Amino acid sequence: MSTPAGPVDVLTRRADPRGRPGVGRRTALVCLACAVVLVPWVAYLATSLPQTYVLANWNSAWVGFDVLLMALLGTTGALARRAHPLHVPAAFASAAFLVADAWFDVMTSSGSALVVSLAAAVTIELPLAAFLLRYGTRVVSEAVAVR
């Protein structure tokens, strides 16, 4: 009787027990194919989108994003405190949200608001994102090394 796969086994598995390509290989192929497909789409967007755009629900979009970021950071902290197995994916997701928040804050600001956005990005959001990425990477690397 075999034991269920633990988190380390799932992280390092290349093929299932029957020798078929593993989920990791399929995921890699799907992600790489999507990245290639996005190249012409990004080129199209870069040449066709207007420089300015009036947006409805602007406040709701910003507040909603920050509420989601707050919830994600809180969830990451709570999961990490309990050493729950999902704290690493939550840390990676929090880092991604922090980078996206910094990007959009800076790109949609001007004047004195741009200075505040840049300061927040450089002193808070991007360092915290880097910390969370480094933390998650270290936890995964240590888990794989123990195997």
N, C-alpha and C. Protein backbone atom coordinates (compact mmCIF):
# COMPACT_ATOMS: atom_id res chain seq x y z
N MET A 1 0.84 -1.17 0.00
CA MET A 1 0.00 0.00 0.00
C MET A 1 0.89 1.24 0.00
N SER A 2 0.63 2.17 -0.90
CA SER A 2 1.47 3.35 -0.99
C SER A 2 0.91 4.46 -0.09
N THR A 3 1.81 5.33 0.32
CA THR A 3 1.39 6.45 1.16
C THR A 3 0.97 7.60 0.26
N PRO A 4 0.05 8.43 0.74
CA PRO A 4 -0.35 9.57 -0.09
C PRO A 4 0.81 10.52 -0.31
N ALA A 5 0.77 11.19 -1.43
CA ALA A 5 1.84 12.14 -1.77
C ALA A 5 1.76 13.34 -0.84
N GLY A 6 2.89 13.70 -0.29
CA GLY A 6 2.95 14.89 0.54
C GLY A 6 3.28 16.10 -0.31
N PRO A 7 3.36 17.29 0.32
CA PRO A 7 3.62 18.51 -0.44
C PRO A 7 4.95 18.47 -1.20
N VAL A 8 5.96 17.86 -0.60
CA VAL A 8 7.27 17.80 -1.27
C VAL A 8 7.17 16.90 -2.49
N ASP A 9 6.45 15.77 -2.37
CA ASP A 9 6.29 14.87 -3.51
C ASP A 9 5.60 15.58 -4.66
N VAL A 10 4.56 16.35 -4.34
CA VAL A 10 3.82 17.06 -5.37
C VAL A 10 4.71 18.11 -6.04
N LEU A 11 5.56 18.77 -5.25
CA LEU A 11 6.43 19.81 -5.81
C LEU A 11 7.47 19.24 -6.76
N THR A 12 7.93 18.03 -6.50
CA THR A 12 9.06 17.49 -7.26
C THR A 12 8.67 16.42 -8.26
N ARG A 13 7.41 16.04 -8.32
CA ARG A 13 6.97 14.97 -9.21
C ARG A 13 7.10 15.38 -10.67
N ARG A 14 7.69 14.54 -11.48
CA ARG A 14 7.83 14.79 -12.91
C ARG A 14 6.87 13.93 -13.72
N ALA A 15 6.51 12.77 -13.20
CA ALA A 15 5.61 11.87 -13.93
C ALA A 15 4.77 11.11 -12.91
N ASP A 16 3.60 10.68 -13.33
CA ASP A 16 2.79 9.89 -12.41
C ASP A 16 3.35 8.47 -12.36
N PRO A 17 2.87 7.63 -11.44
CA PRO A 17 3.45 6.29 -11.27
C PRO A 17 3.38 5.42 -12.51
N ARG A 18 2.48 5.71 -13.45
CA ARG A 18 2.37 4.90 -14.66
C ARG A 18 3.28 5.39 -15.77
N GLY A 19 4.12 6.38 -15.49
CA GLY A 19 5.09 6.85 -16.47
C GLY A 19 4.58 7.90 -17.43
N ARG A 20 3.34 8.36 -17.25
CA ARG A 20 2.81 9.40 -18.14
C ARG A 20 3.37 10.75 -17.71
N PRO A 21 3.38 11.71 -18.64
CA PRO A 21 3.86 13.04 -18.26
C PRO A 21 3.07 13.57 -17.08
N GLY A 22 3.78 14.17 -16.14
CA GLY A 22 3.15 14.67 -14.93
C GLY A 22 2.46 16.00 -15.14
N VAL A 23 1.73 16.39 -14.13
CA VAL A 23 1.01 17.66 -14.17
C VAL A 23 1.99 18.81 -14.38
N GLY A 24 3.17 18.73 -13.79
CA GLY A 24 4.16 19.79 -13.94
C GLY A 24 4.56 20.01 -15.38
N ARG A 25 4.74 18.93 -16.13
CA ARG A 25 5.12 19.05 -17.54
C ARG A 25 3.99 19.67 -18.36
N ARG A 26 2.77 19.19 -18.12
CA ARG A 26 1.62 19.75 -18.84
C ARG A 26 1.44 21.23 -18.49
N THR A 27 1.59 21.56 -17.23
CA THR A 27 1.45 22.95 -16.80
C THR A 27 2.51 23.81 -17.48
N ALA A 28 3.73 23.32 -17.54
CA ALA A 28 4.80 24.07 -18.20
C ALA A 28 4.47 24.31 -19.66
N LEU A 29 3.99 23.29 -20.35
CA LEU A 29 3.66 23.44 -21.77
C LEU A 29 2.52 24.43 -21.99
N VAL A 30 1.50 24.35 -21.15
CA VAL A 30 0.37 25.27 -21.28
C VAL A 30 0.83 26.71 -21.03
N CYS A 31 1.60 26.92 -19.97
CA CYS A 31 2.07 28.28 -19.66
C CYS A 31 2.99 28.83 -20.74
N LEU A 32 3.89 28.02 -21.24
CA LEU A 32 4.78 28.48 -22.31
C LEU A 32 4.01 28.79 -23.59
N ALA A 33 3.04 27.96 -23.93
CA ALA A 33 2.22 28.22 -25.11
C ALA A 33 1.43 29.51 -24.95
N CYS A 34 0.87 29.72 -23.79
CA CYS A 34 0.12 30.97 -23.54
C CYS A 34 1.03 32.19 -23.63
N ALA A 35 2.24 32.09 -23.12
CA ALA A 35 3.19 33.20 -23.20
C ALA A 35 3.49 33.54 -24.66
N VAL A 36 3.67 32.53 -25.50
CA VAL A 36 3.93 32.75 -26.92
C VAL A 36 2.72 33.39 -27.60
N VAL A 37 1.52 32.90 -27.28
CA VAL A 37 0.30 33.46 -27.87
C VAL A 37 0.11 34.92 -27.47
N LEU A 38 0.55 35.28 -26.28
CA LEU A 38 0.38 36.65 -25.81
C LEU A 38 1.28 37.66 -26.52
N VAL A 39 2.35 37.22 -27.14
CA VAL A 39 3.27 38.15 -27.81
C VAL A 39 2.54 38.99 -28.87
N PRO A 40 1.84 38.40 -29.83
CA PRO A 40 1.15 39.25 -30.80
C PRO A 40 0.01 40.06 -30.18
N TRP A 41 -0.65 39.52 -29.15
CA TRP A 41 -1.72 40.25 -28.48
C TRP A 41 -1.18 41.52 -27.81
N VAL A 42 -0.06 41.41 -27.14
CA VAL A 42 0.55 42.57 -26.49
C VAL A 42 0.99 43.59 -27.54
N ALA A 43 1.54 43.12 -28.64
CA ALA A 43 1.93 44.04 -29.73
C ALA A 43 0.70 44.77 -30.27
N TYR A 44 -0.39 44.06 -30.44
CA TYR A 44 -1.63 44.68 -30.91
C TYR A 44 -2.11 45.74 -29.91
N LEU A 45 -2.15 45.38 -28.64
CA LEU A 45 -2.59 46.33 -27.62
C LEU A 45 -1.70 47.57 -27.58
N ALA A 46 -0.39 47.36 -27.68
CA ALA A 46 0.55 48.48 -27.61
C ALA A 46 0.33 49.48 -28.74
N THR A 47 -0.16 49.02 -29.87
CA THR A 47 -0.35 49.91 -31.01
C THR A 47 -1.78 50.39 -31.19
N SER A 48 -2.74 49.79 -30.46
CA SER A 48 -4.13 50.14 -30.73
C SER A 48 -4.87 50.81 -29.57
N LEU A 49 -4.40 50.67 -28.36
CA LEU A 49 -5.12 51.26 -27.23
C LEU A 49 -4.95 52.77 -27.20
N PRO A 50 -6.00 53.49 -26.76
CA PRO A 50 -5.87 54.94 -26.64
C PRO A 50 -4.96 55.32 -25.47
N GLN A 51 -4.37 56.50 -25.52
CA GLN A 51 -3.49 56.97 -24.45
C GLN A 51 -4.28 57.27 -23.18
N THR A 52 -5.52 57.72 -23.33
CA THR A 52 -6.37 58.01 -22.17
C THR A 52 -7.70 57.31 -22.34
N TYR A 53 -8.37 57.09 -21.20
CA TYR A 53 -9.65 56.39 -21.23
C TYR A 53 -10.43 56.79 -19.99
N VAL A 54 -11.68 57.14 -20.16
CA VAL A 54 -12.54 57.47 -19.03
C VAL A 54 -13.17 56.17 -18.54
N LEU A 55 -13.03 55.93 -17.25
CA LEU A 55 -13.45 54.65 -16.69
C LEU A 55 -14.56 54.84 -15.67
N ALA A 56 -15.63 54.09 -15.83
CA ALA A 56 -16.69 54.06 -14.83
C ALA A 56 -16.25 53.19 -13.66
N ASN A 57 -16.78 53.44 -12.49
CA ASN A 57 -16.48 52.66 -11.28
C ASN A 57 -15.01 52.69 -10.88
N TRP A 58 -14.31 53.76 -11.18
CA TRP A 58 -12.89 53.91 -10.86
C TRP A 58 -12.63 53.69 -9.37
N ASN A 59 -13.42 54.35 -8.52
CA ASN A 59 -13.23 54.20 -7.07
C ASN A 59 -13.45 52.76 -6.62
N SER A 60 -14.48 52.14 -7.13
CA SER A 60 -14.77 50.75 -6.75
C SER A 60 -13.65 49.82 -7.17
N ALA A 61 -13.08 50.06 -8.34
CA ALA A 61 -11.98 49.21 -8.81
C ALA A 61 -10.77 49.33 -7.88
N TRP A 62 -10.39 50.55 -7.52
CA TRP A 62 -9.22 50.76 -6.65
C TRP A 62 -9.47 50.24 -5.25
N VAL A 63 -10.61 50.60 -4.67
CA VAL A 63 -10.92 50.15 -3.31
C VAL A 63 -11.06 48.63 -3.28
N GLY A 64 -11.72 48.06 -4.27
CA GLY A 64 -11.88 46.61 -4.33
C GLY A 64 -10.55 45.88 -4.41
N PHE A 65 -9.64 46.40 -5.22
CA PHE A 65 -8.32 45.77 -5.34
C PHE A 65 -7.58 45.83 -4.02
N ASP A 66 -7.62 46.99 -3.37
CA ASP A 66 -6.91 47.12 -2.09
C ASP A 66 -7.56 46.27 -0.99
N VAL A 67 -8.88 46.11 -1.02
CA VAL A 67 -9.55 45.21 -0.07
C VAL A 67 -9.09 43.77 -0.31
N LEU A 68 -9.02 43.37 -1.57
CA LEU A 68 -8.52 42.02 -1.88
C LEU A 68 -7.06 41.85 -1.43
N LEU A 69 -6.23 42.87 -1.65
CA LEU A 69 -4.84 42.82 -1.21
C LEU A 69 -4.77 42.70 0.31
N MET A 70 -5.58 43.49 1.01
CA MET A 70 -5.62 43.43 2.47
C MET A 70 -6.03 42.04 2.94
N ALA A 71 -7.07 41.47 2.34
CA ALA A 71 -7.52 40.14 2.72
C ALA A 71 -6.47 39.08 2.42
N LEU A 72 -5.79 39.22 1.31
CA LEU A 72 -4.76 38.26 0.94
C LEU A 72 -3.57 38.33 1.89
N LEU A 73 -3.14 39.54 2.23
CA LEU A 73 -2.04 39.68 3.18
C LEU A 73 -2.44 39.15 4.56
N GLY A 74 -3.66 39.43 4.99
CA GLY A 74 -4.14 38.91 6.26
C GLY A 74 -4.20 37.39 6.27
N THR A 75 -4.68 36.83 5.17
CA THR A 75 -4.75 35.37 5.04
C THR A 75 -3.35 34.77 5.05
N THR A 76 -2.43 35.40 4.34
CA THR A 76 -1.04 34.92 4.32
C THR A 76 -0.46 34.92 5.73
N GLY A 77 -0.68 36.00 6.46
CA GLY A 77 -0.17 36.08 7.83
C GLY A 77 -0.78 35.03 8.73
N ALA A 78 -2.10 34.84 8.64
CA ALA A 78 -2.77 33.85 9.47
C ALA A 78 -2.30 32.43 9.14
N LEU A 79 -2.17 32.14 7.85
CA LEU A 79 -1.70 30.81 7.45
C LEU A 79 -0.25 30.57 7.87
N ALA A 80 0.58 31.59 7.73
CA ALA A 80 2.00 31.45 8.12
C ALA A 80 2.12 31.25 9.63
N ARG A 81 1.31 31.96 10.38
CA ARG A 81 1.36 31.82 11.84
C ARG A 81 1.03 30.39 12.27
N ARG A 82 0.11 29.75 11.55
CA ARG A 82 -0.28 28.37 11.85
C ARG A 82 0.59 27.35 11.13
N ALA A 83 1.55 27.81 10.33
CA ALA A 83 2.39 26.93 9.50
C ALA A 83 1.53 26.04 8.62
N HIS A 84 0.44 26.59 8.11
CA HIS A 84 -0.46 25.86 7.22
C HIS A 84 0.24 25.66 5.88
N PRO A 85 0.05 24.50 5.24
CA PRO A 85 0.71 24.25 3.95
C PRO A 85 0.40 25.27 2.86
N LEU A 86 -0.74 25.96 2.95
CA LEU A 86 -1.09 26.93 1.92
C LEU A 86 -0.48 28.31 2.15
N HIS A 87 0.34 28.47 3.18
CA HIS A 87 0.91 29.80 3.41
C HIS A 87 1.90 30.20 2.32
N VAL A 88 2.56 29.24 1.70
CA VAL A 88 3.52 29.58 0.64
C VAL A 88 2.80 30.07 -0.62
N PRO A 89 1.79 29.36 -1.13
CA PRO A 89 1.06 29.92 -2.28
C PRO A 89 0.42 31.27 -1.95
N ALA A 90 -0.05 31.44 -0.72
CA ALA A 90 -0.63 32.73 -0.33
C ALA A 90 0.44 33.82 -0.35
N ALA A 91 1.65 33.50 0.07
CA ALA A 91 2.74 34.48 0.04
C ALA A 91 3.07 34.86 -1.40
N PHE A 92 3.10 33.89 -2.30
CA PHE A 92 3.36 34.20 -3.72
C PHE A 92 2.24 35.06 -4.30
N ALA A 93 0.99 34.73 -3.98
CA ALA A 93 -0.14 35.52 -4.47
C ALA A 93 -0.10 36.94 -3.91
N SER A 94 0.24 37.08 -2.64
CA SER A 94 0.36 38.41 -2.04
C SER A 94 1.44 39.22 -2.74
N ALA A 95 2.55 38.59 -3.04
CA ALA A 95 3.64 39.28 -3.74
C ALA A 95 3.18 39.75 -5.11
N ALA A 96 2.47 38.92 -5.82
CA ALA A 96 1.97 39.30 -7.15
C ALA A 96 1.01 40.49 -7.04
N PHE A 97 0.13 40.47 -6.06
CA PHE A 97 -0.81 41.58 -5.87
C PHE A 97 -0.07 42.86 -5.51
N LEU A 98 0.97 42.76 -4.68
CA LEU A 98 1.74 43.94 -4.30
C LEU A 98 2.44 44.56 -5.51
N VAL A 99 3.01 43.73 -6.37
CA VAL A 99 3.67 44.24 -7.57
C VAL A 99 2.65 44.88 -8.51
N ALA A 100 1.51 44.23 -8.68
CA ALA A 100 0.46 44.81 -9.53
C ALA A 100 -0.04 46.13 -8.96
N ASP A 101 -0.21 46.21 -7.66
CA ASP A 101 -0.67 47.44 -7.02
C ASP A 101 0.34 48.56 -7.23
N ALA A 102 1.62 48.26 -7.03
CA ALA A 102 2.65 49.27 -7.24
C ALA A 102 2.66 49.74 -8.69
N TRP A 103 2.58 48.80 -9.62
CA TRP A 103 2.59 49.13 -11.05
C TRP A 103 1.45 50.08 -11.40
N PHE A 104 0.24 49.69 -11.04
CA PHE A 104 -0.91 50.51 -11.43
C PHE A 104 -0.96 51.83 -10.67
N ASP A 105 -0.52 51.85 -9.42
CA ASP A 105 -0.47 53.11 -8.69
C ASP A 105 0.47 54.09 -9.40
N VAL A 106 1.64 53.63 -9.77
CA VAL A 106 2.63 54.49 -10.41
C VAL A 106 2.18 54.88 -11.82
N MET A 107 1.69 53.92 -12.58
CA MET A 107 1.34 54.19 -13.98
C MET A 107 0.11 55.08 -14.14
N THR A 108 -0.75 55.14 -13.13
CA THR A 108 -1.97 55.95 -13.24
C THR A 108 -1.88 57.25 -12.45
N SER A 109 -0.70 57.58 -11.94
CA SER A 109 -0.53 58.80 -11.14
C SER A 109 0.23 59.84 -11.92
N SER A 110 0.06 61.09 -11.48
CA SER A 110 0.85 62.19 -12.03
C SER A 110 1.03 63.25 -10.95
N GLY A 111 1.97 64.14 -11.16
CA GLY A 111 2.21 65.22 -10.21
C GLY A 111 2.64 64.72 -8.85
N SER A 112 2.10 65.33 -7.79
CA SER A 112 2.48 64.96 -6.43
C SER A 112 2.00 63.54 -6.09
N ALA A 113 0.90 63.10 -6.70
CA ALA A 113 0.43 61.73 -6.47
C ALA A 113 1.43 60.71 -7.01
N LEU A 114 2.14 61.06 -8.08
CA LEU A 114 3.16 60.17 -8.62
C LEU A 114 4.31 60.01 -7.63
N VAL A 115 4.69 61.11 -6.99
CA VAL A 115 5.77 61.05 -6.00
C VAL A 115 5.37 60.12 -4.84
N VAL A 116 4.14 60.26 -4.37
CA VAL A 116 3.65 59.40 -3.28
C VAL A 116 3.60 57.95 -3.73
N SER A 117 3.11 57.70 -4.95
CA SER A 117 3.02 56.33 -5.47
C SER A 117 4.40 55.70 -5.62
N LEU A 118 5.35 56.46 -6.15
CA LEU A 118 6.72 55.95 -6.28
C LEU A 118 7.33 55.65 -4.92
N ALA A 119 7.11 56.56 -3.97
CA ALA A 119 7.65 56.35 -2.62
C ALA A 119 7.07 55.09 -1.99
N ALA A 120 5.76 54.91 -2.12
CA ALA A 120 5.11 53.71 -1.55
C ALA A 120 5.61 52.45 -2.24
N ALA A 121 5.76 52.52 -3.56
CA ALA A 121 6.24 51.35 -4.31
C ALA A 121 7.65 50.96 -3.88
N VAL A 122 8.53 51.95 -3.80
CA VAL A 122 9.94 51.68 -3.52
C VAL A 122 10.19 51.33 -2.05
N THR A 123 9.44 51.90 -1.15
CA THR A 123 9.72 51.69 0.28
C THR A 123 8.84 50.63 0.94
N ILE A 124 7.68 50.33 0.35
CA ILE A 124 6.76 49.39 1.01
C ILE A 124 6.41 48.21 0.11
N GLU A 125 5.73 48.49 -1.00
CA GLU A 125 5.13 47.42 -1.80
C GLU A 125 6.16 46.48 -2.42
N LEU A 126 7.14 47.02 -3.12
CA LEU A 126 8.12 46.15 -3.79
C LEU A 126 9.05 45.44 -2.80
N PRO A 127 9.52 46.10 -1.72
CA PRO A 127 10.30 45.34 -0.74
C PRO A 127 9.50 44.22 -0.06
N LEU A 128 8.23 44.49 0.24
CA LEU A 128 7.40 43.44 0.86
C LEU A 128 7.17 42.30 -0.13
N ALA A 129 6.96 42.63 -1.40
CA ALA A 129 6.80 41.59 -2.42
C ALA A 129 8.07 40.75 -2.53
N ALA A 130 9.22 41.40 -2.53
CA ALA A 130 10.50 40.68 -2.61
C ALA A 130 10.69 39.78 -1.39
N PHE A 131 10.34 40.30 -0.21
CA PHE A 131 10.43 39.50 1.01
C PHE A 131 9.56 38.25 0.91
N LEU A 132 8.32 38.42 0.46
CA LEU A 132 7.40 37.29 0.36
C LEU A 132 7.85 36.27 -0.68
N LEU A 133 8.37 36.75 -1.81
CA LEU A 133 8.90 35.84 -2.83
C LEU A 133 10.10 35.06 -2.30
N ARG A 134 11.00 35.77 -1.64
CA ARG A 134 12.19 35.12 -1.09
C ARG A 134 11.79 34.11 -0.01
N TYR A 135 10.85 34.50 0.84
CA TYR A 135 10.37 33.61 1.90
C TYR A 135 9.77 32.34 1.30
N GLY A 136 8.85 32.50 0.36
CA GLY A 136 8.21 31.34 -0.26
C GLY A 136 9.20 30.45 -0.97
N THR A 137 10.13 31.06 -1.68
CA THR A 137 11.16 30.29 -2.38
C THR A 137 12.03 29.51 -1.41
N ARG A 138 12.39 30.16 -0.30
CA ARG A 138 13.23 29.50 0.71
C ARG A 138 12.50 28.31 1.34
N VAL A 139 11.22 28.48 1.66
CA VAL A 139 10.44 27.39 2.27
C VAL A 139 10.35 26.20 1.31
N VAL A 140 10.07 26.48 0.04
CA VAL A 140 9.97 25.40 -0.94
C VAL A 140 11.32 24.72 -1.13
N SER A 141 12.39 25.51 -1.23
CA SER A 141 13.74 24.93 -1.41
C SER A 141 14.12 24.05 -0.23
N GLU A 142 13.82 24.49 0.99
CA GLU A 142 14.13 23.69 2.17
C GLU A 142 13.29 22.40 2.19
N ALA A 143 12.04 22.49 1.77
CA ALA A 143 11.19 21.30 1.74
C ALA A 143 11.72 20.29 0.73
N VAL A 144 12.17 20.75 -0.41
CA VAL A 144 12.72 19.85 -1.43
C VAL A 144 14.05 19.27 -0.96
N ALA A 145 14.88 20.06 -0.27
CA ALA A 145 16.18 19.58 0.22
C ALA A 145 16.00 18.50 1.27
N VAL A 146 14.96 18.59 2.09
CA VAL A 146 14.70 17.60 3.13
C VAL A 146 14.35 16.26 2.51
N ARG A 147 13.73 16.29 1.37
CA ARG A 147 13.30 15.08 0.71
C ARG A 147 14.51 14.22 0.42
